[in-house]
N, C-alpha and C. Protein backbone atom coordinates (compact mmCIF):
# COMPACT_ATOMS: atom_id res chain seq x y z
N MET A 1 12.22 12.49 19.25
CA MET A 1 13.73 11.08 19.25
C MET A 1 12.89 10.09 18.64
N SER A 2 13.64 9.24 17.75
CA SER A 2 13.06 8.46 17.28
C SER A 2 14.47 7.37 17.77
N GLY A 3 13.86 5.83 17.41
CA GLY A 3 14.25 4.97 18.02
C GLY A 3 13.83 3.59 18.30
N GLU A 4 14.12 2.78 19.26
CA GLU A 4 13.51 1.55 19.35
C GLU A 4 13.60 1.77 21.32
N LYS A 5 12.12 1.09 21.46
CA LYS A 5 11.86 0.85 22.94
C LYS A 5 11.59 -0.67 22.97
N GLN A 6 11.83 -0.87 24.43
CA GLN A 6 11.06 -2.32 24.87
C GLN A 6 10.10 -2.11 26.17
N PHE A 7 9.42 -3.18 26.17
CA PHE A 7 8.18 -2.85 27.17
C PHE A 7 7.95 -4.36 27.36
N ALA A 8 8.22 -4.94 28.68
CA ALA A 8 7.55 -5.66 29.35
C ALA A 8 6.25 -6.17 29.51
N PRO A 9 5.29 -7.29 30.00
CA PRO A 9 4.36 -7.58 29.94
C PRO A 9 3.67 -6.82 30.55
N GLY A 10 2.64 -5.78 30.65
CA GLY A 10 1.96 -4.99 31.65
C GLY A 10 2.46 -3.65 31.58
N GLU A 11 3.42 -3.52 30.77
CA GLU A 11 4.03 -2.19 30.71
C GLU A 11 3.41 -1.13 30.00
N VAL A 12 2.83 0.14 30.69
CA VAL A 12 1.98 0.58 29.81
C VAL A 12 3.03 2.08 28.62
N LEU A 13 2.66 1.86 27.35
CA LEU A 13 3.31 2.44 26.50
C LEU A 13 2.78 3.93 26.34
N PHE A 14 1.06 4.32 26.93
CA PHE A 14 0.72 5.26 27.24
C PHE A 14 -0.45 5.21 27.94
N ARG A 15 -1.32 6.45 28.28
CA ARG A 15 -2.55 6.62 28.86
C ARG A 15 -3.34 7.23 28.48
N GLU A 16 -4.26 6.99 28.69
CA GLU A 16 -5.63 7.53 27.82
C GLU A 16 -5.50 9.36 28.78
N GLY A 17 -5.69 10.17 27.57
CA GLY A 17 -5.42 11.58 28.67
C GLY A 17 -4.21 12.19 28.47
N GLU A 18 -3.33 11.47 28.14
CA GLU A 18 -1.75 11.80 27.79
C GLU A 18 -1.13 12.73 27.01
N PRO A 19 -0.79 13.67 26.96
CA PRO A 19 -0.18 14.07 25.75
C PRO A 19 0.17 12.99 24.95
N SER A 20 0.38 13.52 23.28
CA SER A 20 0.75 12.71 22.46
C SER A 20 2.12 13.44 21.81
N ARG A 21 3.01 12.50 21.95
CA ARG A 21 4.13 12.89 21.48
C ARG A 21 5.28 11.84 20.67
N GLU A 22 4.28 10.60 20.91
CA GLU A 22 4.93 9.95 19.79
C GLU A 22 4.35 8.96 19.05
N VAL A 23 4.37 8.33 18.15
CA VAL A 23 4.11 7.36 17.41
C VAL A 23 4.51 6.01 17.55
N PHE A 24 4.03 4.64 17.54
CA PHE A 24 4.86 3.76 17.78
C PHE A 24 4.36 2.64 16.59
N LEU A 25 5.28 1.55 16.03
CA LEU A 25 5.09 0.48 14.97
C LEU A 25 5.65 -0.43 16.07
N ILE A 26 5.04 -1.47 15.78
CA ILE A 26 5.21 -2.61 16.76
C ILE A 26 5.74 -3.69 15.81
N LYS A 27 7.25 -3.59 16.06
CA LYS A 27 8.33 -4.46 15.68
C LYS A 27 8.08 -6.13 16.07
N SER A 28 7.84 -6.45 17.36
CA SER A 28 7.36 -7.43 18.20
C SER A 28 6.52 -7.22 19.20
N GLY A 29 5.78 -8.89 19.47
CA GLY A 29 5.19 -8.95 20.48
C GLY A 29 3.83 -8.37 20.04
N ARG A 30 2.71 -8.01 21.48
CA ARG A 30 1.14 -7.68 21.17
C ARG A 30 1.02 -6.34 22.40
N VAL A 31 0.08 -5.86 21.76
CA VAL A 31 -0.65 -4.10 22.68
C VAL A 31 -1.54 -4.62 22.92
N LYS A 32 -2.52 -4.38 23.96
CA LYS A 32 -3.75 -3.90 24.22
C LYS A 32 -4.17 -2.91 24.29
N ILE A 33 -5.36 -2.52 23.59
CA ILE A 33 -5.48 -0.98 23.51
C ILE A 33 -6.87 -1.04 24.50
N THR A 34 -7.28 -0.29 25.49
CA THR A 34 -8.21 -0.16 26.28
C THR A 34 -8.81 1.66 26.22
N LYS A 35 -10.28 1.51 26.05
CA LYS A 35 -10.67 2.69 26.27
C LYS A 35 -11.82 2.81 27.63
N LYS A 36 -11.40 3.74 28.62
CA LYS A 36 -12.26 3.71 29.79
C LYS A 36 -12.20 2.20 30.27
N GLY A 37 -11.31 1.70 30.03
CA GLY A 37 -10.78 0.38 30.48
C GLY A 37 -11.50 -0.57 29.84
N ARG A 38 -12.46 -0.28 28.73
CA ARG A 38 -12.81 -1.10 27.92
C ARG A 38 -12.13 -1.86 27.19
N PHE A 39 -11.83 -3.04 26.58
CA PHE A 39 -10.92 -3.28 25.59
C PHE A 39 -11.81 -2.94 24.05
N ILE A 40 -10.77 -2.34 23.43
CA ILE A 40 -11.11 -1.93 22.30
C ILE A 40 -10.47 -2.80 21.26
N ALA A 41 -9.00 -3.58 21.47
CA ALA A 41 -8.13 -3.87 20.37
C ALA A 41 -6.67 -4.37 21.19
N GLU A 42 -6.27 -5.43 19.63
CA GLU A 42 -4.65 -6.35 20.08
C GLU A 42 -4.20 -6.19 18.92
N LEU A 43 -3.28 -5.21 19.16
CA LEU A 43 -2.21 -4.84 17.71
C LEU A 43 -1.07 -5.96 17.79
N GLY A 44 0.02 -6.13 16.97
CA GLY A 44 0.93 -6.99 17.03
C GLY A 44 1.78 -6.40 15.69
N PRO A 45 2.92 -6.99 15.37
CA PRO A 45 3.82 -6.62 14.69
C PRO A 45 3.26 -5.97 12.94
N GLY A 46 4.04 -5.03 12.86
CA GLY A 46 3.51 -4.51 11.66
C GLY A 46 2.92 -3.50 11.83
N GLU A 47 1.81 -3.15 13.13
CA GLU A 47 0.79 -2.04 13.14
C GLU A 47 1.13 -1.06 13.99
N PHE A 48 0.65 0.26 13.67
CA PHE A 48 0.80 1.61 13.84
C PHE A 48 -0.11 1.83 15.29
N LEU A 49 0.29 2.13 16.24
CA LEU A 49 -0.07 3.14 17.33
C LEU A 49 -0.01 4.56 17.52
N GLY A 50 -1.01 5.34 18.40
CA GLY A 50 -0.56 6.24 18.60
C GLY A 50 -0.47 7.60 17.88
N GLU A 51 -0.97 7.17 16.45
CA GLU A 51 -0.89 7.74 15.69
C GLU A 51 -1.93 9.32 15.39
N MET A 52 -2.85 8.77 15.99
CA MET A 52 -4.09 10.06 15.62
C MET A 52 -3.94 11.24 16.44
N GLY A 53 -3.64 11.14 17.88
CA GLY A 53 -3.39 12.02 18.67
C GLY A 53 -2.21 12.87 18.49
N VAL A 54 -1.33 12.19 17.96
CA VAL A 54 0.01 12.81 17.18
C VAL A 54 -0.42 13.98 16.12
N ILE A 55 -1.05 13.59 15.26
CA ILE A 55 -1.33 14.08 14.09
C ILE A 55 -2.59 15.39 14.54
N ASP A 56 -3.63 14.57 15.15
CA ASP A 56 -4.24 15.80 14.98
C ASP A 56 -3.90 16.53 16.76
N ARG A 57 -3.27 16.39 17.14
CA ARG A 57 -2.36 17.50 18.13
C ARG A 57 -4.01 17.17 18.96
N ARG A 58 -4.24 15.50 19.59
CA ARG A 58 -4.86 15.92 20.42
C ARG A 58 -4.56 14.83 22.01
N PRO A 59 -4.86 14.85 23.32
CA PRO A 59 -4.31 13.86 24.06
C PRO A 59 -4.82 12.52 23.44
N ARG A 60 -3.83 11.70 24.11
CA ARG A 60 -4.28 10.06 23.74
C ARG A 60 -5.61 9.86 23.70
N SER A 61 -6.07 8.67 22.64
CA SER A 61 -7.61 8.69 23.33
C SER A 61 -7.92 7.77 23.90
N ALA A 62 -6.87 6.73 24.11
CA ALA A 62 -6.90 5.30 24.81
C ALA A 62 -5.49 5.12 25.46
N THR A 63 -5.60 3.86 25.89
CA THR A 63 -4.17 3.40 26.85
C THR A 63 -4.28 2.23 25.92
N ALA A 64 -2.47 1.89 25.80
CA ALA A 64 -1.44 1.11 25.33
C ALA A 64 -1.27 0.16 26.40
N GLU A 65 -1.21 -1.07 26.62
CA GLU A 65 -0.46 -1.60 27.38
C GLU A 65 0.26 -3.08 26.56
N ALA A 66 1.40 -3.42 27.30
CA ALA A 66 2.11 -4.43 26.57
C ALA A 66 1.50 -5.72 27.03
N ILE A 67 1.00 -6.62 26.32
CA ILE A 67 0.48 -7.84 26.68
C ILE A 67 1.47 -8.97 26.91
N GLU A 68 2.84 -8.98 25.95
CA GLU A 68 3.77 -9.75 26.05
C GLU A 68 4.98 -8.78 26.10
N LYS A 69 6.47 -9.31 25.83
CA LYS A 69 7.79 -8.40 25.84
C LYS A 69 7.30 -8.26 24.19
N THR A 70 7.81 -6.54 23.99
CA THR A 70 7.36 -6.03 23.02
C THR A 70 7.88 -5.07 22.56
N VAL A 71 8.76 -5.11 21.49
CA VAL A 71 9.61 -3.57 21.04
C VAL A 71 8.96 -2.93 19.64
N VAL A 72 9.20 -1.76 19.62
CA VAL A 72 8.42 -0.91 19.04
C VAL A 72 9.35 0.05 18.57
N HIS A 73 9.22 0.56 17.44
CA HIS A 73 10.02 1.29 16.72
C HIS A 73 9.20 3.21 17.01
N VAL A 74 10.01 3.81 17.41
CA VAL A 74 9.46 5.01 18.23
C VAL A 74 9.71 6.12 16.83
N LEU A 75 8.50 7.13 16.66
CA LEU A 75 8.71 8.04 15.87
C LEU A 75 8.21 9.34 16.34
N ASP A 76 9.04 10.60 16.88
CA ASP A 76 8.51 11.61 17.46
C ASP A 76 7.38 12.35 16.79
N ALA A 77 6.62 13.04 17.47
CA ALA A 77 5.65 14.02 16.71
C ALA A 77 6.60 14.94 15.63
N ASP A 78 7.07 15.58 16.48
CA ASP A 78 7.99 16.84 15.59
C ASP A 78 8.34 16.05 14.29
N THR A 79 9.30 14.96 14.18
CA THR A 79 9.44 14.18 12.86
C THR A 79 8.16 13.97 11.79
N LEU A 80 7.40 13.23 12.43
CA LEU A 80 5.98 13.08 11.64
C LEU A 80 5.45 14.33 11.03
N ARG A 81 5.00 15.10 12.10
CA ARG A 81 5.02 16.54 11.23
C ARG A 81 5.26 17.14 10.03
N ASN A 82 6.88 17.23 10.35
CA ASN A 82 8.00 17.56 9.80
C ASN A 82 7.81 17.15 8.17
N LYS A 83 7.68 15.45 8.23
CA LYS A 83 7.49 15.09 7.21
C LYS A 83 6.13 15.31 6.34
N MET A 84 4.84 15.23 7.09
CA MET A 84 3.54 15.87 6.46
C MET A 84 3.61 17.01 6.10
N GLU A 85 4.79 17.97 6.36
CA GLU A 85 4.59 19.33 5.88
C GLU A 85 5.29 19.29 4.67
N GLU A 86 6.29 18.60 4.52
CA GLU A 86 7.34 18.52 3.41
C GLU A 86 6.51 17.66 2.37
N GLU A 87 5.39 17.10 2.23
CA GLU A 87 4.86 16.63 1.62
C GLU A 87 3.18 16.96 1.56
N PRO A 88 2.65 18.37 1.44
CA PRO A 88 1.42 18.47 1.71
C PRO A 88 0.15 17.85 1.04
N MET A 89 0.38 17.09 0.02
CA MET A 89 -1.01 16.28 -0.56
C MET A 89 -1.02 15.03 0.71
N ILE A 90 0.31 14.73 0.97
CA ILE A 90 0.02 13.18 1.96
C ILE A 90 -0.44 13.94 3.35
N GLY A 91 0.07 15.33 3.66
CA GLY A 91 -0.60 15.68 5.13
C GLY A 91 -1.64 15.84 4.99
N ALA A 92 -2.04 15.98 4.05
CA ALA A 92 -3.98 16.71 3.94
C ALA A 92 -4.55 15.05 4.06
N LEU A 93 -4.19 14.15 3.34
CA LEU A 93 -4.87 12.96 3.24
C LEU A 93 -5.05 12.25 4.44
N ILE A 94 -3.54 12.22 5.46
CA ILE A 94 -3.52 11.69 6.43
C ILE A 94 -4.11 12.44 7.32
N ASN A 95 -4.37 13.87 7.50
CA ASN A 95 -5.47 14.65 8.02
C ASN A 95 -6.77 14.23 8.38
N THR A 96 -6.95 14.08 6.96
CA THR A 96 -8.39 13.63 6.72
C THR A 96 -8.61 12.31 7.12
N LEU A 97 -8.11 11.35 7.14
CA LEU A 97 -8.18 9.81 7.96
C LEU A 97 -8.38 10.14 8.84
N VAL A 98 -7.41 10.47 10.17
CA VAL A 98 -7.48 10.69 11.27
C VAL A 98 -8.80 11.52 11.60
N LYS A 99 -9.46 12.34 11.00
CA LYS A 99 -10.55 13.10 11.43
C LYS A 99 -11.89 12.09 10.95
N ARG A 100 -11.95 11.17 10.07
CA ARG A 100 -12.68 10.20 9.75
C ARG A 100 -12.56 9.21 10.83
N LEU A 101 -11.41 8.65 11.50
CA LEU A 101 -11.59 7.49 12.63
C LEU A 101 -11.68 8.28 13.66
N ARG A 102 -11.67 9.84 14.06
CA ARG A 102 -12.37 10.17 15.08
C ARG A 102 -13.74 10.17 15.07
N ASP A 103 -14.07 10.47 14.01
CA ASP A 103 -15.94 10.73 13.21
C ASP A 103 -16.41 9.21 14.02
N ALA A 104 -15.66 8.23 13.52
CA ALA A 104 -15.96 6.88 13.56
C ALA A 104 -16.20 6.25 15.03
N ASP A 105 -15.12 6.78 15.70
CA ASP A 105 -14.82 6.26 17.48
C ASP A 105 -16.05 6.91 17.70
N ARG A 106 -16.02 8.29 17.76
CA ARG A 106 -17.29 8.91 18.32
C ARG A 106 -18.84 8.16 17.86
N ARG A 107 -18.81 7.57 16.94
CA ARG A 107 -20.35 6.99 16.50
C ARG A 107 -20.16 5.75 17.30
N LEU A 108 -19.17 4.78 17.16
CA LEU A 108 -19.28 3.74 17.93
C LEU A 108 -19.27 3.78 19.48
N ALA A 109 -18.74 4.85 20.01
CA ALA A 109 -19.16 5.21 21.29
C ALA A 109 -20.82 5.51 22.07
N ASP A 110 -21.34 6.29 20.83
CA ASP A 110 -22.60 6.51 20.90
C ASP A 110 -23.76 5.10 21.02
N LEU A 111 -22.96 3.89 20.33
CA LEU A 111 -23.87 2.96 20.39
C LEU A 111 -24.31 2.16 22.06
């Protein structure tokens, strides 16, 4: 399902370890990303979150929590994967980028 969702301050969009079923595009508000309780990033309007797990079919690698009232556009996993299959070259590029991001995340975690 695609559409729009609203989150109140402190409300969790998704938790680390959960299945990855949706990608979010922040329309308004701010979202805090944490991994194992440690602050990773703060995201705002125009930024995507939740894409890595959807693309490579892995559980959520972090937790996302609304800092303030937040509105997001939601893209479900099947819709995104279908679009990537329709454009195999773009799909391959996206998969490569996600793999590189995962590798970079692993290296940072080892520091």
